[in-house]
Amino acid sequence: MRDEQRIESLASERSVLVRLLLPDHQSEVDPLAELTGLATTAGTEVVGGLVQRRDKPDQKTFIGKGKVNELKGLIDQFEADVVIFDNDLYPGQTRNLEQALHTKVIDRTELILDIFASNAQTYEARLSVELAQLEYSLPRLKRMWTHLSRQSMGVGMRGPGETQLEVDRRLVENRIHELRESLQKVERRRERQVAARSDNATVSLVGYTNAGKSTLMNALTGAGVEAADKLFATLDTRTRRWQLIGWGPVLLSDTVGFIRDLPHRLIASFKATLEEARQAELLLHVADASNPAVLDQIHAVYKVLEEIGIEEKDTLLVLNKIDAIESRQLLERFMDRYPNALTCSAKAGVGLKELSLAVGDALSREFLDLHVDIDPANGKLQAYLSAKGEVLSREMTNEVITVHCRMPRKTLGEIRRTALQVRSGDSRPLPPEPSEDDFRPKNKNETIETE
């Protein structure tokens, strides 16, 4: 009932959107397009918009006195209930704007947090969202108590207001501490879950929000996960088995979508959710090729990957929704920019076979096809091959067990230490064994550290 009431109240709000463009901002077809999508996803009715270019934000009101008056005119004209900025505001700027406009003002981070709160379904996601919201609201508690200034308490809300403010601050700080401890337990559990699946190759879908990751996962695995045409429909990681053509089963994970200027506190809060992407052998970066801002979105995703420390992981760019592209020339322009990108339409089922083959080829770079000769008494190595890779066949010849298997490249050293012989299962040569020269300093000033 509470969620229904919240959605109903949001749906009844009329919003005016505002965005400040600084000199380093690149031009867009519609600078308010993404904010409109966010506001609509949050449940508000967008009734107006305002865009301003400035060399730097106004310290007091962010957009300057003249634009504040223009904004007030829009609010009165459309009877708006809330003003939503596509920028992050300081608490003092928000307070000054609300006093000048007599209307609720929220910034980009607060809007995204509101959407995340609406879509959080699991215990882990709810913890993450609550932590991010409290960390955002802590420096803004004073703004929430401005109504007490009418009760003759003067500057700084002396008396009861000051006491209540400090009580609230302590409550929020204690709750933040509790949430961090709970999330640390969730993170450790998630790490154990991911580590337990180390015997399977793992692929993770990443990309801008609403790029079609969940639709692609359904098309590849038949998972039946929710795939809605709205921003941040997926906040929880889902993992399903995917049968790759000519390869075998792998684990495919769908993750939370990224967005331009994703709040840092959200990235930190969703650390456990992003663990799947961090541990995956391969990332599939899904981009909406039909979106006019797709190049900016691709750049934004790479920026987030860098922030979470996995930008160097092997990645395939997948241009999705090619059936919705207006012209063939536009697709060709994207391919000129990203010649190694794969194209598909998850909704129409186009290009999925080619995607499966490309993923198999990419994983093969990290896996080796091996014939391993084992002493029958060496049960430990036999168990190791079964646990860490995929055993394709076993054959007993001359009191030697020959196991044909596909193994991660990183396991080759361990196999060589205990196997009777290791041969390549295909035409490619195996990596050479390291020699003593590989561990010697390259010059007299270089040293080798050992644990």
Protein backbone atom coordinates (compact mmCIF):
# COMPACT_ATOMS: atom_id res chain seq x y z
CA MET A 1 0.00 0.00 0.00
CA ARG A 2 2.84 2.39 0.84
CA ASP A 3 4.47 1.88 -2.59
CA GLU A 4 1.13 2.45 -4.33
CA GLN A 5 0.62 5.70 -2.41
CA ARG A 6 4.14 6.84 -3.26
CA ILE A 7 3.73 6.14 -6.96
CA GLU A 8 0.38 7.91 -6.98
CA SER A 9 1.86 11.00 -5.31
CA LEU A 10 4.77 11.11 -7.75
CA ALA A 11 2.43 10.73 -10.70
CA SER A 12 0.44 13.74 -9.54
CA GLU A 13 3.51 16.03 -9.48
CA ARG A 14 4.17 18.41 -12.36
CA SER A 15 7.84 19.13 -12.95
CA VAL A 16 9.94 21.78 -14.66
CA LEU A 17 13.39 20.64 -15.79
CA VAL A 18 16.56 22.74 -15.65
CA ARG A 19 20.05 22.11 -17.00
CA LEU A 20 23.14 24.30 -16.84
CA LEU A 21 25.63 23.79 -19.68
CA LEU A 22 29.24 24.69 -18.96
CA PRO A 23 31.83 25.60 -21.66
CA ASP A 24 33.32 22.08 -21.77
CA HIS A 25 29.95 20.52 -22.48
CA GLN A 26 29.51 18.97 -25.91
CA SER A 27 26.42 19.90 -27.89
CA GLU A 28 23.46 17.51 -27.92
CA VAL A 29 20.34 17.27 -30.04
CA ASP A 30 18.20 17.75 -26.94
CA PRO A 31 20.10 18.59 -23.73
CA LEU A 32 17.01 17.75 -21.63
CA ALA A 33 16.23 14.40 -23.29
CA GLU A 34 17.87 12.20 -20.66
CA LEU A 35 16.52 14.24 -17.75
CA THR A 36 13.04 13.96 -19.27
CA GLY A 37 13.41 10.18 -19.28
CA LEU A 38 14.55 10.17 -15.66
CA ALA A 39 11.73 12.46 -14.54
CA THR A 40 9.15 10.38 -16.39
CA THR A 41 10.54 7.18 -14.88
CA ALA A 42 10.21 8.78 -11.43
CA GLY A 43 6.51 9.35 -12.14
CA THR A 44 6.33 13.11 -12.67
CA GLU A 45 4.61 14.91 -15.53
CA VAL A 46 7.14 17.12 -17.33
CA VAL A 47 5.46 20.44 -18.16
CA GLY A 48 8.42 22.72 -18.97
CA GLY A 49 12.15 23.05 -19.37
CA LEU A 50 14.93 25.60 -19.08
CA VAL A 51 18.50 25.42 -20.42
CA GLN A 52 21.24 27.96 -19.66
CA ARG A 53 24.88 28.30 -20.71
CA ARG A 54 27.31 29.87 -18.25
CA ASP A 55 31.06 29.96 -17.78
CA LYS A 56 30.58 28.73 -14.21
CA PRO A 57 27.65 28.11 -11.84
CA ASP A 58 26.30 30.92 -9.68
CA GLN A 59 27.45 30.33 -6.11
CA LYS A 60 24.07 31.19 -4.55
CA THR A 61 21.44 29.89 -6.97
CA PHE A 62 23.49 27.93 -9.56
CA ILE A 63 21.73 29.56 -12.54
CA GLY A 64 21.83 33.27 -11.72
CA LYS A 65 19.18 35.82 -10.72
CA GLY A 66 17.72 36.41 -14.20
CA LYS A 67 17.15 32.71 -14.87
CA VAL A 68 15.66 32.25 -11.41
CA ASN A 69 13.01 34.84 -12.30
CA GLU A 70 12.40 33.12 -15.64
CA LEU A 71 12.12 29.78 -13.86
CA LYS A 72 9.60 31.23 -11.40
CA GLY A 73 7.52 32.36 -14.38
CA LEU A 74 7.48 28.82 -15.76
CA ILE A 75 6.45 27.43 -12.38
CA ASP A 76 3.54 29.87 -12.13
CA GLN A 77 2.52 29.32 -15.76
CA PHE A 78 2.36 25.53 -15.54
CA GLU A 79 1.51 25.28 -11.81
CA ALA A 80 4.54 23.05 -11.29
CA ASP A 81 5.08 21.19 -8.01
CA VAL A 82 8.80 20.44 -8.33
CA VAL A 83 11.89 21.75 -10.12
CA ILE A 84 14.41 19.10 -11.20
CA PHE A 85 18.00 20.04 -12.04
CA ASP A 86 20.17 17.91 -14.33
CA ASN A 87 23.14 19.01 -12.23
CA ASP A 88 24.25 18.36 -8.66
CA LEU A 89 23.52 21.25 -6.30
CA TYR A 90 25.11 22.22 -3.02
CA PRO A 91 22.72 22.16 -0.04
CA GLY A 92 22.91 25.96 0.23
CA GLN A 93 22.01 26.39 -3.46
CA THR A 94 19.00 24.12 -3.06
CA ARG A 95 17.86 26.07 0.00
CA ASN A 96 18.25 29.43 -1.76
CA LEU A 97 16.34 28.21 -4.80
CA GLU A 98 13.46 26.86 -2.73
CA GLN A 99 13.19 30.16 -0.86
CA ALA A 100 13.15 32.12 -4.12
CA LEU A 101 10.81 29.80 -6.02
CA HIS A 102 8.56 28.63 -3.15
CA THR A 103 8.72 25.21 -4.77
CA LYS A 104 10.48 21.93 -4.01
CA VAL A 105 13.87 21.66 -5.78
CA ILE A 106 15.77 18.41 -6.31
CA ASP A 107 19.00 17.75 -8.18
CA ARG A 108 20.16 14.95 -10.47
CA THR A 109 21.53 12.71 -7.72
CA GLU A 110 18.38 12.97 -5.62
CA LEU A 111 16.25 12.10 -8.65
CA ILE A 112 18.35 9.02 -9.49
CA LEU A 113 18.24 7.90 -5.86
CA ASP A 114 14.46 8.24 -5.91
CA ILE A 115 14.24 6.02 -9.00
CA PHE A 116 16.57 3.46 -7.46
CA ALA A 117 14.42 3.41 -4.32
CA SER A 118 11.32 2.73 -6.45
CA ASN A 119 12.93 -0.15 -8.35
CA ALA A 120 14.87 -1.86 -5.54
CA GLN A 121 13.34 -5.31 -5.04
CA THR A 122 15.90 -7.43 -3.18
CA TYR A 123 17.30 -7.02 0.32
CA GLU A 124 20.74 -6.19 -1.10
CA ALA A 125 19.42 -3.49 -3.44
CA ARG A 126 17.31 -1.91 -0.70
CA LEU A 127 20.31 -1.76 1.63
CA SER A 128 22.43 -0.16 -1.10
CA VAL A 129 19.82 2.45 -1.95
CA GLU A 130 19.12 3.35 1.68
CA LEU A 131 22.84 3.83 2.36
CA ALA A 132 23.25 6.08 -0.68
CA GLN A 133 20.18 8.12 0.29
CA LEU A 134 21.32 8.64 3.87
CA GLU A 135 24.85 9.64 2.80
CA TYR A 136 23.27 12.14 0.42
CA SER A 137 20.84 13.53 3.01
CA LEU A 138 23.26 13.82 5.96
CA PRO A 139 24.76 17.21 4.94
CA ARG A 140 21.24 18.39 4.01
CA LEU A 141 19.53 17.71 7.34
CA LYS A 142 19.59 21.39 8.21
CA ARG A 143 17.53 22.17 5.12
CA MET A 144 14.92 19.65 6.25
CA TRP A 145 14.44 21.60 9.51
CA THR A 146 14.07 25.08 8.01
CA HIS A 147 10.38 25.10 8.95
CA LEU A 148 11.45 25.46 12.61
CA SER A 149 12.99 28.87 11.87
CA ARG A 150 9.50 30.32 11.95
CA GLN A 151 9.35 29.51 15.67
CA SER A 152 11.56 32.46 16.74
CA MET A 153 14.79 30.45 16.98
CA GLY A 154 16.99 32.82 15.00
CA VAL A 155 20.17 32.01 13.13
CA GLY A 156 21.14 28.35 13.15
CA MET A 157 17.81 27.16 14.61
CA ARG A 158 18.64 27.45 18.30
CA GLY A 159 16.81 25.65 21.07
CA PRO A 160 14.55 22.71 20.18
CA GLY A 161 15.49 22.87 16.51
CA GLU A 162 19.17 22.57 17.27
CA THR A 163 18.55 19.69 19.67
CA GLN A 164 16.36 17.81 17.19
CA LEU A 165 18.86 18.42 14.39
CA GLU A 166 21.68 16.88 16.42
CA VAL A 167 19.49 13.94 17.41
CA ASP A 168 18.60 13.32 13.79
CA ARG A 169 22.23 13.60 12.74
CA ARG A 170 23.26 10.95 15.26
CA LEU A 171 20.41 8.66 14.19
CA VAL A 172 21.43 8.99 10.54
CA GLU A 173 25.12 8.40 11.30
CA ASN A 174 24.27 5.29 13.37
CA ARG A 175 22.05 3.94 10.61
CA ILE A 176 24.79 4.55 8.01
CA HIS A 177 27.20 2.55 10.18
CA GLU A 178 24.68 -0.31 10.47
CA LEU A 179 24.05 -0.33 6.72
CA ARG A 180 27.76 -0.40 5.90
CA GLU A 181 28.26 -3.40 8.18
CA SER A 182 25.29 -5.21 6.63
CA LEU A 183 26.54 -4.49 3.11
CA GLN A 184 30.01 -5.74 3.99
CA LYS A 185 28.42 -9.07 4.98
CA VAL A 186 26.49 -9.10 1.70
CA GLU A 187 29.69 -8.34 -0.24
CA ARG A 188 31.58 -11.19 1.44
CA ARG A 189 28.70 -13.56 0.71
CA ARG A 190 28.54 -12.42 -2.91
CA GLU A 191 32.30 -12.89 -3.30
CA ARG A 192 31.96 -16.46 -2.00
CA GLN A 193 29.09 -17.13 -4.40
CA VAL A 194 31.05 -15.82 -7.36
CA ALA A 195 34.17 -17.75 -6.34
CA ALA A 196 32.11 -20.96 -6.05
CA ARG A 197 31.24 -20.63 -9.75
CA SER A 198 34.89 -20.38 -10.82
CA ASP A 199 34.63 -23.71 -12.65
CA ASN A 200 32.40 -22.04 -15.25
CA ALA A 201 33.36 -19.33 -17.72
CA THR A 202 31.50 -16.12 -16.82
CA VAL A 203 30.32 -13.31 -19.08
CA SER A 204 28.77 -10.09 -17.75
CA LEU A 205 26.48 -7.62 -19.51
CA VAL A 206 27.29 -3.97 -18.83
CA GLY A 207 26.09 -0.80 -20.47
CA TYR A 208 24.08 2.38 -20.29
CA THR A 209 20.68 2.17 -18.66
CA ASN A 210 17.88 1.13 -21.03
CA ALA A 211 20.37 -0.13 -23.65
CA GLY A 212 18.53 -3.47 -23.84
CA LYS A 213 20.72 -5.65 -21.60
CA SER A 214 17.81 -7.53 -20.00
CA THR A 215 16.12 -8.05 -23.38
CA LEU A 216 19.39 -9.42 -24.75
CA MET A 217 19.76 -11.74 -21.77
CA ASN A 218 16.24 -13.07 -22.34
CA ALA A 219 16.99 -13.62 -26.04
CA LEU A 220 20.24 -15.48 -25.33
CA THR A 221 19.18 -17.57 -22.32
CA GLY A 222 15.37 -17.56 -22.19
CA ALA A 223 15.72 -16.23 -18.65
CA GLY A 224 12.38 -14.41 -18.61
CA VAL A 225 13.73 -11.51 -16.51
CA GLU A 226 11.86 -8.20 -16.49
CA ALA A 227 12.79 -6.08 -19.50
CA ALA A 228 10.97 -2.74 -19.35
CA ASP A 229 11.44 0.28 -21.62
CA LYS A 230 12.43 2.55 -18.75
CA LEU A 231 15.56 3.70 -17.00
CA PHE A 232 17.05 1.51 -14.25
CA ALA A 233 14.53 -1.32 -14.63
CA THR A 234 17.32 -3.67 -13.42
CA LEU A 235 19.06 -3.04 -10.11
CA ASP A 236 19.81 -6.62 -9.08
CA THR A 237 22.29 -8.95 -10.74
CA ARG A 238 20.73 -12.01 -12.35
CA THR A 239 22.87 -14.92 -13.60
CA ARG A 240 21.68 -17.55 -16.08
CA ARG A 241 23.28 -20.40 -18.05
CA TRP A 242 23.98 -19.62 -21.71
CA GLN A 243 24.78 -22.38 -24.22
CA LEU A 244 27.42 -20.99 -26.56
CA ILE A 245 27.62 -22.35 -30.09
CA GLY A 246 30.70 -24.55 -30.46
CA TRP A 247 31.76 -23.87 -26.91
CA GLY A 248 29.36 -25.13 -24.29
CA PRO A 249 27.64 -23.60 -21.25
CA VAL A 250 28.80 -20.32 -19.71
CA LEU A 251 27.25 -18.12 -17.02
CA LEU A 252 25.77 -14.83 -18.25
CA SER A 253 25.06 -12.04 -15.73
CA ASP A 254 22.89 -8.96 -16.14
CA THR A 255 23.94 -5.93 -14.07
CA VAL A 256 22.63 -2.51 -13.08
CA GLY A 257 22.75 0.02 -15.90
CA PHE A 258 25.15 2.95 -15.86
CA ILE A 259 24.41 6.57 -16.62
CA ARG A 260 26.26 9.83 -17.27
CA ASP A 261 27.64 11.32 -14.04
CA LEU A 262 26.54 8.30 -12.01
CA PRO A 263 26.73 9.38 -8.35
CA HIS A 264 29.88 8.06 -6.68
CA ARG A 265 27.93 7.06 -3.57
CA LEU A 266 25.78 4.79 -5.74
CA ILE A 267 28.84 3.11 -7.25
CA ALA A 268 30.20 2.48 -3.75
CA SER A 269 26.85 1.25 -2.42
CA PHE A 270 26.37 -1.20 -5.30
CA LYS A 271 29.84 -2.72 -4.96
CA ALA A 272 28.40 -6.16 -4.19
CA THR A 273 26.03 -5.98 -7.16
CA LEU A 274 28.93 -5.15 -9.49
CA GLU A 275 31.02 -8.08 -8.19
CA GLU A 276 29.79 -10.25 -11.08
CA ALA A 277 31.21 -7.80 -13.63
CA ARG A 278 34.45 -7.47 -11.68
CA GLN A 279 35.05 -11.25 -11.67
CA ALA A 280 33.84 -12.05 -15.20
CA GLU A 281 36.24 -13.35 -17.85
CA LEU A 282 34.53 -11.21 -20.50
CA LEU A 283 32.32 -8.10 -20.55
CA LEU A 284 29.65 -7.49 -23.17
CA HIS A 285 29.23 -3.71 -23.39
CA VAL A 286 25.68 -3.28 -24.74
CA ALA A 287 24.90 0.09 -26.35
CA ASP A 288 21.64 1.40 -27.83
CA ALA A 289 22.64 2.13 -31.43
CA SER A 290 19.30 3.88 -32.08
CA ASN A 291 19.91 6.53 -29.41
CA PRO A 292 21.19 9.86 -30.84
CA ALA A 293 23.54 10.18 -27.86
CA VAL A 294 24.96 6.65 -28.14
CA LEU A 295 28.58 7.82 -28.57
CA ASP A 296 28.36 9.86 -25.36
CA GLN A 297 26.74 6.89 -23.61
CA ILE A 298 29.53 4.55 -24.69
CA HIS A 299 32.09 7.01 -23.31
CA ALA A 300 30.14 7.31 -20.03
CA VAL A 301 30.12 3.53 -19.55
CA TYR A 302 33.88 3.28 -20.10
CA LYS A 303 34.30 6.04 -17.53
CA VAL A 304 32.28 4.10 -14.93
CA LEU A 305 34.22 0.91 -15.71
CA GLU A 306 37.38 2.87 -15.00
CA GLU A 307 35.97 4.11 -11.69
CA ILE A 308 35.25 0.57 -10.51
CA GLY A 309 38.66 -0.65 -11.69
CA ILE A 310 37.74 -3.03 -14.53
CA GLU A 311 38.38 -0.87 -17.60
CA GLU A 312 41.20 -3.18 -18.78
CA LYS A 313 39.05 -6.33 -18.75
CA ASP A 314 38.47 -8.01 -22.11
CA THR A 315 35.35 -6.34 -23.57
CA LEU A 316 33.19 -6.75 -26.67
CA LEU A 317 31.10 -3.76 -27.76
CA VAL A 318 27.59 -4.82 -28.84
CA LEU A 319 25.51 -2.29 -30.78
CA ASN A 320 21.94 -3.29 -29.94
CA LYS A 321 18.60 -2.14 -31.41
CA ILE A 322 19.95 -1.90 -34.96
CA ASP A 323 16.40 -2.52 -36.23
CA ALA A 324 15.43 0.88 -34.80
CA ILE A 325 18.22 2.87 -36.51
CA GLU A 326 16.79 5.43 -38.92
CA SER A 327 19.41 5.07 -41.67
CA ARG A 328 22.01 2.58 -42.81
CA GLN A 329 24.53 5.41 -43.11
CA LEU A 330 24.27 6.04 -39.37
CA LEU A 331 25.10 2.41 -38.59
CA GLU A 332 28.05 2.56 -40.99
CA ARG A 333 29.31 5.66 -39.19
CA PHE A 334 29.22 3.77 -35.89
CA MET A 335 31.08 0.84 -37.43
CA ASP A 336 33.74 3.19 -38.81
CA ARG A 337 34.20 4.50 -35.27
CA TYR A 338 34.14 1.01 -33.67
CA PRO A 339 35.16 -1.47 -36.42
CA ASN A 340 35.31 -4.42 -34.01
CA ALA A 341 31.81 -3.87 -32.63
CA LEU A 342 29.11 -6.51 -33.01
CA THR A 343 25.61 -5.58 -34.19
CA CYS A 344 22.35 -7.16 -33.12
CA SER A 345 18.72 -6.63 -32.24
CA ALA A 346 17.78 -8.53 -29.11
CA LYS A 347 14.10 -7.74 -29.66
CA ALA A 348 14.05 -8.94 -33.29
CA GLY A 349 16.51 -11.83 -32.73
CA VAL A 350 18.99 -10.49 -35.30
CA GLY A 351 22.74 -11.15 -34.97
CA LEU A 352 22.50 -13.44 -31.93
CA LYS A 353 24.29 -16.37 -33.60
CA GLU A 354 27.19 -14.12 -34.63
CA LEU A 355 27.32 -12.76 -31.08
CA SER A 356 27.50 -16.27 -29.62
CA LEU A 357 30.34 -17.25 -31.96
CA ALA A 358 32.26 -14.03 -31.18
CA VAL A 359 31.93 -14.62 -27.41
CA GLY A 360 33.21 -18.18 -27.86
CA ASP A 361 36.22 -16.91 -29.82
CA ALA A 362 36.93 -14.25 -27.17
CA LEU A 363 36.75 -16.77 -24.33
CA SER A 364 39.06 -19.11 -26.27
CA ARG A 365 41.81 -16.53 -25.89
CA GLU A 366 41.69 -17.19 -22.14
CA PHE A 367 41.08 -20.95 -22.37
CA LEU A 368 43.24 -23.74 -23.74
CA ASP A 369 42.22 -26.96 -25.44
CA LEU A 370 44.40 -29.65 -23.82
CA HIS A 371 45.19 -33.36 -23.88
CA VAL A 372 46.54 -34.21 -20.42
CA ASP A 373 48.24 -37.58 -19.71
CA ILE A 374 47.67 -38.55 -16.07
CA ASP A 375 48.86 -41.39 -13.87
CA PRO A 376 45.72 -43.33 -12.82
CA ALA A 377 46.79 -42.95 -9.19
CA ASN A 378 46.80 -39.16 -9.52
CA GLY A 379 43.19 -38.61 -8.48
CA LYS A 380 43.97 -35.11 -7.28
CA LEU A 381 44.80 -33.87 -10.80
CA GLN A 382 41.74 -35.58 -12.26
CA ALA A 383 39.55 -33.81 -9.71
CA TYR A 384 41.33 -30.52 -10.42
CA LEU A 385 40.58 -30.75 -14.15
CA SER A 386 36.91 -31.44 -13.48
CA ALA A 387 36.62 -28.61 -10.96
CA LYS A 388 38.49 -25.90 -12.88
CA GLY A 389 37.56 -26.62 -16.48
CA GLU A 390 35.38 -28.63 -18.82
CA VAL A 391 36.31 -32.29 -19.36
CA LEU A 392 35.36 -33.31 -22.91
CA SER A 393 36.51 -36.98 -22.86
CA ARG A 394 38.62 -39.55 -21.00
CA GLU A 395 40.56 -42.45 -22.53
CA MET A 396 42.66 -45.16 -20.88
CA THR A 397 45.77 -46.16 -22.91
CA ASN A 398 48.90 -48.03 -21.72
CA GLU A 399 48.04 -47.48 -18.05
CA VAL A 400 47.77 -43.76 -18.69
CA ILE A 401 44.55 -41.73 -18.56
CA THR A 402 44.36 -39.15 -21.36
CA VAL A 403 41.90 -36.38 -20.54
CA HIS A 404 40.72 -34.03 -23.31
CA CYS A 405 39.62 -30.81 -21.58
CA ARG A 406 39.16 -27.07 -21.97
CA MET A 407 40.96 -25.19 -19.17
CA PRO A 408 41.59 -21.57 -18.18
CA ARG A 409 45.03 -20.42 -19.30
CA LYS A 410 45.97 -19.55 -15.71
CA THR A 411 45.72 -23.24 -14.67
CA LEU A 412 48.38 -24.46 -17.13
CA GLY A 413 51.26 -24.10 -14.67
CA GLU A 414 49.50 -26.19 -12.00
CA ILE A 415 48.65 -28.89 -14.56
CA ARG A 416 52.22 -29.08 -15.86
CA ARG A 417 53.57 -29.57 -12.33
CA THR A 418 51.75 -32.88 -11.77
CA ALA A 419 50.81 -34.24 -15.23
CA LEU A 420 52.83 -36.86 -17.09
CA GLN A 421 52.46 -34.89 -20.32
CA VAL A 422 50.40 -31.96 -21.63
CA ARG A 423 49.68 -31.52 -25.34
CA SER A 424 47.61 -29.01 -27.26
CA GLY A 425 44.21 -30.28 -28.33
CA ASP A 426 44.24 -28.19 -31.50
CA SER A 427 46.75 -26.70 -33.90
CA ARG A 428 47.78 -23.85 -31.61
CA PRO A 429 51.02 -24.28 -29.65
CA LEU A 430 50.93 -24.14 -25.87
CA PRO A 431 52.56 -21.20 -24.07
CA PRO A 432 56.18 -22.10 -23.20
CA GLU A 433 57.14 -22.98 -19.66
CA PRO A 434 58.83 -20.09 -17.84
CA SER A 435 62.63 -20.32 -17.76
CA GLU A 436 65.00 -19.12 -15.07
CA ASP A 437 65.78 -16.08 -17.21
CA ASP A 438 62.19 -14.92 -16.81
CA PHE A 439 62.83 -14.46 -13.09
CA ARG A 440 66.20 -12.75 -13.30
CA PRO A 441 66.60 -8.96 -13.03
CA LYS A 442 66.86 -7.26 -16.41
CA ASN A 443 69.68 -4.99 -15.12
CA LYS A 444 71.84 -4.65 -12.06
CA ASN A 445 69.59 -2.00 -10.51
CA GLU A 446 66.44 -4.08 -10.86
CA THR A 447 65.36 -6.37 -8.04
CA ILE A 448 62.68 -9.01 -7.82
CA GLU A 449 60.36 -8.89 -4.84
CA THR A 450 59.20 -12.15 -3.30
CA GLU A 451 56.58 -12.73 -0.70
